[in-house]
C-alpha cells in the first residue's frame, strides 16, 4: 500500500492527513498525537475511526493541522483519517458513515451584520 493523502475540514480548521502502513504512530505538526491533544476525550475522538474499522495499530498518521481551535482541529483530523481509511479499503465506508464520520460538518461562525453588536444581537432599544 502506498501513502494516502486526504484533507479534513471543520469550522476554520484544515487537516492534511498522510496515512501509511505502520504500527499506529500519530504525529501532528511534528509532535506526538498524545502530546498535541493531551485531553482524553480528544484522543478518543481521534482514535474513533480506527476503533470502528478495527484497524488500531495498523496505520501511521502524519498530519499537518492549521487554523481554528483544538476541538475543530480534532474533528478535522478525524474526518481526514476516516476519508483515508475509506480510500485504503472501501468496505469501511458503511461503518464510518453510520457514525457520521464521513460527513463534513457545515456549521461555522455566522458573520457580523452592520448595525448590530454581533451576528444577531441588537443594540438596546429604548422606546422613550
N, C-alpha and C. Protein backbone atom coordinates (compact mmCIF):
# COMPACT_ATOMS: atom_id res chain seq x y z
N UNK A 1 0.84 -1.19 0.00
CA UNK A 1 0.00 0.00 0.00
C UNK A 1 0.88 1.25 0.00
N UNK A 2 0.60 2.16 -0.88
CA UNK A 2 1.33 3.43 -0.92
C UNK A 2 0.73 4.39 0.11
N UNK A 3 1.29 5.56 0.20
CA UNK A 3 0.75 6.55 1.13
C UNK A 3 -0.55 7.11 0.57
N UNK A 4 -1.46 7.42 1.49
CA UNK A 4 -2.75 8.00 1.12
C UNK A 4 -2.81 9.39 1.73
N UNK A 5 -3.15 10.38 0.93
CA UNK A 5 -3.25 11.75 1.42
C UNK A 5 -4.68 12.23 1.27
N UNK A 6 -5.24 12.77 2.36
CA UNK A 6 -6.59 13.31 2.36
C UNK A 6 -6.63 14.61 3.14
N UNK A 7 -7.77 15.28 3.03
CA UNK A 7 -7.98 16.54 3.75
C UNK A 7 -9.27 16.45 4.54
N UNK A 8 -9.24 16.97 5.76
CA UNK A 8 -10.44 17.08 6.58
C UNK A 8 -10.60 18.52 7.01
N UNK A 9 -11.84 18.99 7.06
CA UNK A 9 -12.10 20.38 7.47
C UNK A 9 -13.21 20.43 8.50
N UNK A 10 -13.13 21.45 9.39
CA UNK A 10 -14.17 21.70 10.38
C UNK A 10 -14.02 23.14 10.84
N UNK A 11 -15.09 23.93 10.71
CA UNK A 11 -15.05 25.37 11.01
C UNK A 11 -13.93 26.00 10.20
N UNK A 12 -12.90 26.54 10.85
CA UNK A 12 -11.80 27.14 10.09
C UNK A 12 -10.54 26.28 10.15
N UNK A 13 -10.67 25.06 10.67
CA UNK A 13 -9.52 24.16 10.78
C UNK A 13 -9.39 23.30 9.52
N UNK A 14 -8.14 23.09 9.12
CA UNK A 14 -7.85 22.23 7.98
C UNK A 14 -6.79 21.23 8.41
N UNK A 15 -7.05 19.95 8.16
CA UNK A 15 -6.09 18.89 8.49
C UNK A 15 -5.68 18.18 7.22
N UNK A 16 -4.38 18.17 6.93
CA UNK A 16 -3.85 17.42 5.80
C UNK A 16 -3.26 16.13 6.36
N UNK A 17 -3.86 15.00 5.99
CA UNK A 17 -3.53 13.72 6.60
C UNK A 17 -2.79 12.83 5.61
N UNK A 18 -1.71 12.21 6.07
CA UNK A 18 -0.98 11.21 5.30
C UNK A 18 -1.04 9.90 6.08
N UNK A 19 -1.60 8.86 5.45
CA UNK A 19 -1.78 7.56 6.09
C UNK A 19 -0.86 6.55 5.42
N UNK A 20 -0.05 5.85 6.21
CA UNK A 20 0.82 4.80 5.70
C UNK A 20 0.71 3.59 6.61
N UNK A 21 1.06 2.42 6.09
CA UNK A 21 1.07 1.22 6.93
C UNK A 21 2.16 1.37 7.96
N UNK A 22 1.86 0.94 9.19
CA UNK A 22 2.84 1.08 10.26
C UNK A 22 2.36 0.43 11.54
N UNK A 23 2.73 1.06 12.66
CA UNK A 23 2.42 0.47 13.96
C UNK A 23 1.54 1.37 14.83
N UNK A 24 0.80 2.29 14.23
CA UNK A 24 -0.15 3.11 14.98
C UNK A 24 0.39 4.42 15.50
N UNK A 25 1.50 4.90 14.97
CA UNK A 25 2.04 6.20 15.40
C UNK A 25 1.21 7.34 14.84
N UNK A 26 0.95 8.34 15.66
CA UNK A 26 0.23 9.53 15.21
C UNK A 26 1.13 10.74 15.48
N UNK A 27 1.49 11.44 14.41
CA UNK A 27 2.33 12.63 14.54
C UNK A 27 1.57 13.80 13.94
N UNK A 28 1.37 14.83 14.75
CA UNK A 28 0.61 16.01 14.33
C UNK A 28 1.52 17.23 14.44
N UNK A 29 1.73 17.91 13.33
CA UNK A 29 2.61 19.08 13.27
C UNK A 29 3.98 18.79 13.88
N UNK A 30 4.50 17.59 13.65
CA UNK A 30 5.82 17.21 14.14
C UNK A 30 5.86 16.81 15.60
N UNK A 31 4.72 16.73 16.26
CA UNK A 31 4.63 16.38 17.68
C UNK A 31 3.79 15.12 17.81
N UNK A 32 4.08 14.31 18.83
CA UNK A 32 3.29 13.11 19.07
C UNK A 32 1.82 13.47 19.33
N UNK A 33 0.90 12.64 18.86
CA UNK A 33 -0.53 12.92 18.96
C UNK A 33 -1.02 13.09 20.39
N UNK A 34 -0.50 12.28 21.32
CA UNK A 34 -0.93 12.37 22.72
C UNK A 34 -0.42 13.64 23.38
N UNK A 35 0.68 14.15 22.86
CA UNK A 35 1.24 15.40 23.38
C UNK A 35 0.48 16.60 22.81
N UNK A 36 0.11 16.52 21.51
CA UNK A 36 -0.59 17.63 20.85
C UNK A 36 -2.01 17.75 21.36
N UNK A 37 -2.69 16.61 21.58
CA UNK A 37 -4.04 16.59 22.14
C UNK A 37 -3.99 15.84 23.47
N UNK A 38 -3.67 16.53 24.57
CA UNK A 38 -3.48 15.84 25.86
C UNK A 38 -4.78 15.37 26.52
N UNK A 39 -5.93 15.94 26.16
CA UNK A 39 -7.18 15.59 26.81
C UNK A 39 -7.69 14.25 26.26
N UNK A 40 -8.13 13.36 27.15
CA UNK A 40 -8.53 12.01 26.76
C UNK A 40 -9.71 11.98 25.79
N UNK A 41 -10.65 12.90 25.94
CA UNK A 41 -11.80 12.94 25.03
C UNK A 41 -11.34 13.23 23.61
N UNK A 42 -10.36 14.13 23.47
CA UNK A 42 -9.82 14.46 22.15
C UNK A 42 -9.10 13.25 21.55
N UNK A 43 -8.36 12.52 22.38
CA UNK A 43 -7.67 11.33 21.91
C UNK A 43 -8.66 10.26 21.49
N UNK A 44 -9.78 10.15 22.22
CA UNK A 44 -10.81 9.18 21.87
C UNK A 44 -11.45 9.53 20.53
N UNK A 45 -11.71 10.83 20.31
CA UNK A 45 -12.27 11.28 19.02
C UNK A 45 -11.32 10.94 17.89
N UNK A 46 -10.04 11.11 18.14
CA UNK A 46 -9.01 10.86 17.13
C UNK A 46 -8.93 9.38 16.77
N UNK A 47 -9.10 8.50 17.75
CA UNK A 47 -8.98 7.06 17.52
C UNK A 47 -10.27 6.39 17.08
N UNK A 48 -11.39 7.12 17.10
CA UNK A 48 -12.69 6.53 16.79
C UNK A 48 -12.75 5.87 15.41
N UNK A 49 -12.24 6.49 14.33
CA UNK A 49 -12.29 5.80 13.03
C UNK A 49 -11.52 4.47 13.03
N UNK A 50 -10.40 4.42 13.76
CA UNK A 50 -9.63 3.18 13.83
C UNK A 50 -10.37 2.11 14.62
N UNK A 51 -11.06 2.52 15.70
CA UNK A 51 -11.82 1.56 16.51
C UNK A 51 -12.96 0.94 15.71
N UNK A 52 -13.70 1.79 14.98
CA UNK A 52 -14.83 1.29 14.21
C UNK A 52 -14.41 0.33 13.11
N UNK A 53 -13.29 0.60 12.48
CA UNK A 53 -12.84 -0.24 11.36
C UNK A 53 -11.90 -1.35 11.82
N UNK A 54 -11.64 -1.42 13.13
CA UNK A 54 -10.77 -2.44 13.72
C UNK A 54 -9.38 -2.43 13.07
N UNK A 55 -8.84 -1.23 12.89
CA UNK A 55 -7.51 -1.07 12.29
C UNK A 55 -6.54 -0.37 13.25
N UNK A 56 -6.79 -0.46 14.55
CA UNK A 56 -5.91 0.18 15.53
C UNK A 56 -4.52 -0.45 15.46
N UNK A 57 -3.50 0.39 15.38
CA UNK A 57 -2.13 -0.10 15.35
C UNK A 57 -1.66 -0.60 13.99
N UNK A 58 -2.45 -0.42 12.95
CA UNK A 58 -2.06 -0.90 11.62
C UNK A 58 -1.57 0.21 10.71
N UNK A 59 -1.91 1.47 11.04
CA UNK A 59 -1.54 2.59 10.17
C UNK A 59 -0.83 3.68 10.98
N UNK A 60 0.12 4.34 10.33
CA UNK A 60 0.76 5.53 10.89
C UNK A 60 0.09 6.75 10.29
N UNK A 61 -0.11 7.78 11.10
CA UNK A 61 -0.73 9.02 10.65
C UNK A 61 0.26 10.16 10.84
N UNK A 62 0.51 10.89 9.77
CA UNK A 62 1.29 12.12 9.84
C UNK A 62 0.37 13.22 9.33
N UNK A 63 0.13 14.22 10.17
CA UNK A 63 -0.85 15.25 9.82
C UNK A 63 -0.29 16.65 10.05
N UNK A 64 -0.72 17.56 9.19
CA UNK A 64 -0.46 18.98 9.39
C UNK A 64 -1.82 19.64 9.63
N UNK A 65 -1.98 20.23 10.79
CA UNK A 65 -3.25 20.83 11.17
C UNK A 65 -3.05 22.33 11.33
N UNK A 66 -4.00 23.12 10.78
CA UNK A 66 -3.85 24.56 10.80
C UNK A 66 -5.20 25.22 11.02
N UNK A 67 -5.21 26.30 11.77
CA UNK A 67 -6.41 27.12 11.94
C UNK A 67 -7.37 26.61 12.99
N UNK A 68 -8.23 27.50 13.44
CA UNK A 68 -9.29 27.13 14.38
C UNK A 68 -8.78 26.83 15.77
N UNK A 69 -9.64 26.18 16.54
CA UNK A 69 -9.29 25.81 17.91
C UNK A 69 -9.02 24.33 18.01
N UNK A 70 -8.83 23.86 19.24
CA UNK A 70 -8.45 22.47 19.46
C UNK A 70 -9.56 21.51 19.00
N UNK A 71 -10.81 21.79 19.37
CA UNK A 71 -11.91 20.89 19.01
C UNK A 71 -12.09 20.83 17.50
N UNK A 72 -12.04 21.97 16.83
CA UNK A 72 -12.15 21.99 15.38
C UNK A 72 -11.02 21.21 14.73
N UNK A 73 -9.82 21.31 15.29
CA UNK A 73 -8.68 20.60 14.73
C UNK A 73 -8.83 19.09 14.90
N UNK A 74 -9.31 18.66 16.07
CA UNK A 74 -9.52 17.22 16.31
C UNK A 74 -10.53 16.67 15.33
N UNK A 75 -11.65 17.39 15.14
CA UNK A 75 -12.71 16.89 14.27
C UNK A 75 -12.31 16.94 12.80
N UNK A 76 -11.50 17.92 12.42
CA UNK A 76 -10.98 17.97 11.05
C UNK A 76 -10.04 16.79 10.81
N UNK A 77 -9.22 16.50 11.78
CA UNK A 77 -8.29 15.38 11.68
C UNK A 77 -9.03 14.05 11.63
N UNK A 78 -10.09 13.94 12.42
CA UNK A 78 -10.91 12.72 12.44
C UNK A 78 -11.54 12.47 11.07
N UNK A 79 -12.04 13.53 10.43
CA UNK A 79 -12.63 13.40 9.10
C UNK A 79 -11.57 12.99 8.08
N UNK A 80 -10.39 13.59 8.17
CA UNK A 80 -9.30 13.24 7.26
C UNK A 80 -8.87 11.78 7.40
N UNK A 81 -8.81 11.30 8.64
CA UNK A 81 -8.44 9.90 8.89
C UNK A 81 -9.51 8.97 8.34
N UNK A 82 -10.78 9.30 8.57
CA UNK A 82 -11.88 8.47 8.07
C UNK A 82 -11.85 8.39 6.55
N UNK A 83 -11.62 9.52 5.88
CA UNK A 83 -11.55 9.52 4.42
C UNK A 83 -10.38 8.67 3.92
N UNK A 84 -9.25 8.74 4.63
CA UNK A 84 -8.07 7.96 4.24
C UNK A 84 -8.33 6.47 4.41
N UNK A 85 -9.01 6.08 5.50
CA UNK A 85 -9.32 4.67 5.72
C UNK A 85 -10.25 4.12 4.64
N UNK A 86 -11.20 4.94 4.19
CA UNK A 86 -12.10 4.51 3.13
C UNK A 86 -11.34 4.37 1.81
N UNK A 87 -10.39 5.26 1.58
CA UNK A 87 -9.58 5.17 0.38
C UNK A 87 -8.71 3.91 0.41
N UNK A 88 -8.25 3.53 1.61
CA UNK A 88 -7.44 2.32 1.76
C UNK A 88 -8.27 1.07 1.55
N UNK A 89 -9.50 1.06 2.10
CA UNK A 89 -10.39 -0.09 1.95
C UNK A 89 -11.84 0.40 1.90
N UNK A 90 -12.47 0.39 0.73
CA UNK A 90 -13.84 0.92 0.59
C UNK A 90 -14.89 0.19 1.43
N UNK A 91 -14.58 -0.99 1.94
CA UNK A 91 -15.54 -1.73 2.77
C UNK A 91 -15.76 -1.06 4.13
N UNK A 92 -14.88 -0.14 4.52
CA UNK A 92 -15.01 0.56 5.81
C UNK A 92 -16.09 1.65 5.77
N UNK A 93 -16.46 2.07 4.58
CA UNK A 93 -17.35 3.24 4.45
C UNK A 93 -18.69 3.09 5.19
N UNK A 94 -19.43 1.97 5.07
CA UNK A 94 -20.72 1.89 5.77
C UNK A 94 -20.60 2.04 7.30
N UNK A 95 -19.55 1.47 7.88
CA UNK A 95 -19.35 1.58 9.34
C UNK A 95 -19.10 3.04 9.75
N UNK A 96 -18.24 3.71 8.99
CA UNK A 96 -17.90 5.10 9.31
C UNK A 96 -19.07 6.03 9.03
N UNK A 97 -19.82 5.77 7.96
CA UNK A 97 -20.96 6.62 7.61
C UNK A 97 -22.07 6.49 8.64
N UNK A 98 -22.24 5.29 9.21
CA UNK A 98 -23.27 5.08 10.24
C UNK A 98 -22.99 5.91 11.49
N UNK A 99 -21.73 6.20 11.76
CA UNK A 99 -21.35 7.01 12.92
C UNK A 99 -21.15 8.48 12.57
N UNK A 100 -21.54 8.88 11.35
CA UNK A 100 -21.41 10.27 10.86
C UNK A 100 -19.96 10.75 10.81
N UNK A 101 -19.03 9.86 10.56
CA UNK A 101 -17.63 10.26 10.46
C UNK A 101 -17.22 10.61 9.03
N UNK A 102 -18.08 10.35 8.08
CA UNK A 102 -17.77 10.67 6.69
C UNK A 102 -18.39 11.99 6.25
N UNK A 103 -19.12 12.63 7.14
CA UNK A 103 -19.84 13.85 6.81
C UNK A 103 -19.06 15.07 7.29
N UNK A 104 -18.86 16.03 6.41
CA UNK A 104 -18.22 17.28 6.82
C UNK A 104 -19.25 18.15 7.49
N UNK A 105 -18.97 18.57 8.72
CA UNK A 105 -19.91 19.39 9.48
C UNK A 105 -19.90 20.81 8.90
N UNK A 106 -21.02 21.27 8.32
CA UNK A 106 -21.01 22.56 7.63
C UNK A 106 -21.13 23.77 8.56
N UNK A 107 -21.38 23.53 9.85
CA UNK A 107 -21.60 24.67 10.75
C UNK A 107 -20.34 25.50 10.92
N UNK A 108 -20.49 26.80 10.83
CA UNK A 108 -19.38 27.73 11.01
C UNK A 108 -19.93 28.99 11.66
N UNK A 109 -19.06 29.88 12.07
CA UNK A 109 -19.48 31.11 12.74
C UNK A 109 -20.19 32.02 11.74
N UNK A 110 -21.33 32.54 12.15
CA UNK A 110 -22.10 33.45 11.31
C UNK A 110 -21.43 34.82 11.31
N UNK A 111 -21.43 35.49 10.18
CA UNK A 111 -20.76 36.78 10.10
C UNK A 111 -21.53 37.86 10.85
N UNK A 112 -20.79 38.87 11.30
CA UNK A 112 -21.40 40.01 11.97
C UNK A 112 -22.06 40.90 10.94
N UNK A 113 -23.29 41.37 11.26
CA UNK A 113 -24.00 42.27 10.36
C UNK A 113 -23.82 43.71 10.82
N UNK A 114 -23.86 44.62 9.86
CA UNK A 114 -23.72 46.04 10.21
C UNK A 114 -24.95 46.51 10.97
N UNK A 115 -24.76 47.46 11.84
CA UNK A 115 -25.87 47.99 12.64
C UNK A 115 -26.21 47.12 13.83
N UNK A 116 -25.42 46.09 14.09
CA UNK A 116 -25.66 45.20 15.22
C UNK A 116 -24.37 44.97 15.98
N UNK A 117 -24.51 44.50 17.23
CA UNK A 117 -23.32 44.25 18.04
C UNK A 117 -22.58 42.99 17.57
N UNK A 118 -23.35 41.94 17.29
CA UNK A 118 -22.78 40.69 16.80
C UNK A 118 -23.63 40.23 15.61
N UNK A 119 -23.63 38.94 15.32
CA UNK A 119 -24.37 38.46 14.16
C UNK A 119 -25.88 38.70 14.31
N UNK A 120 -26.39 38.43 15.52
CA UNK A 120 -27.84 38.58 15.74
C UNK A 120 -28.19 39.53 16.87
N UNK A 121 -27.26 39.78 17.78
CA UNK A 121 -27.52 40.65 18.92
C UNK A 121 -27.71 42.09 18.46
N UNK A 122 -28.76 42.72 19.02
CA UNK A 122 -29.03 44.11 18.64
C UNK A 122 -28.60 45.05 19.76
N UNK A 123 -28.47 46.33 19.41
CA UNK A 123 -28.24 47.33 20.44
C UNK A 123 -29.52 47.50 21.24
N UNK A 124 -29.38 47.97 22.48
CA UNK A 124 -30.54 48.11 23.35
C UNK A 124 -31.54 49.11 22.76
N UNK A 125 -32.80 48.72 22.80
CA UNK A 125 -33.87 49.56 22.24
C UNK A 125 -34.53 50.33 23.36
N UNK A 126 -34.69 51.64 23.19
CA UNK A 126 -35.36 52.47 24.18
C UNK A 126 -36.57 53.11 23.52
N UNK A 127 -37.74 52.82 24.05
CA UNK A 127 -38.96 53.36 23.45
C UNK A 127 -39.13 54.85 23.76
N UNK A 128 -38.77 55.28 24.97
CA UNK A 128 -38.90 56.68 25.36
C UNK A 128 -37.60 57.23 25.88
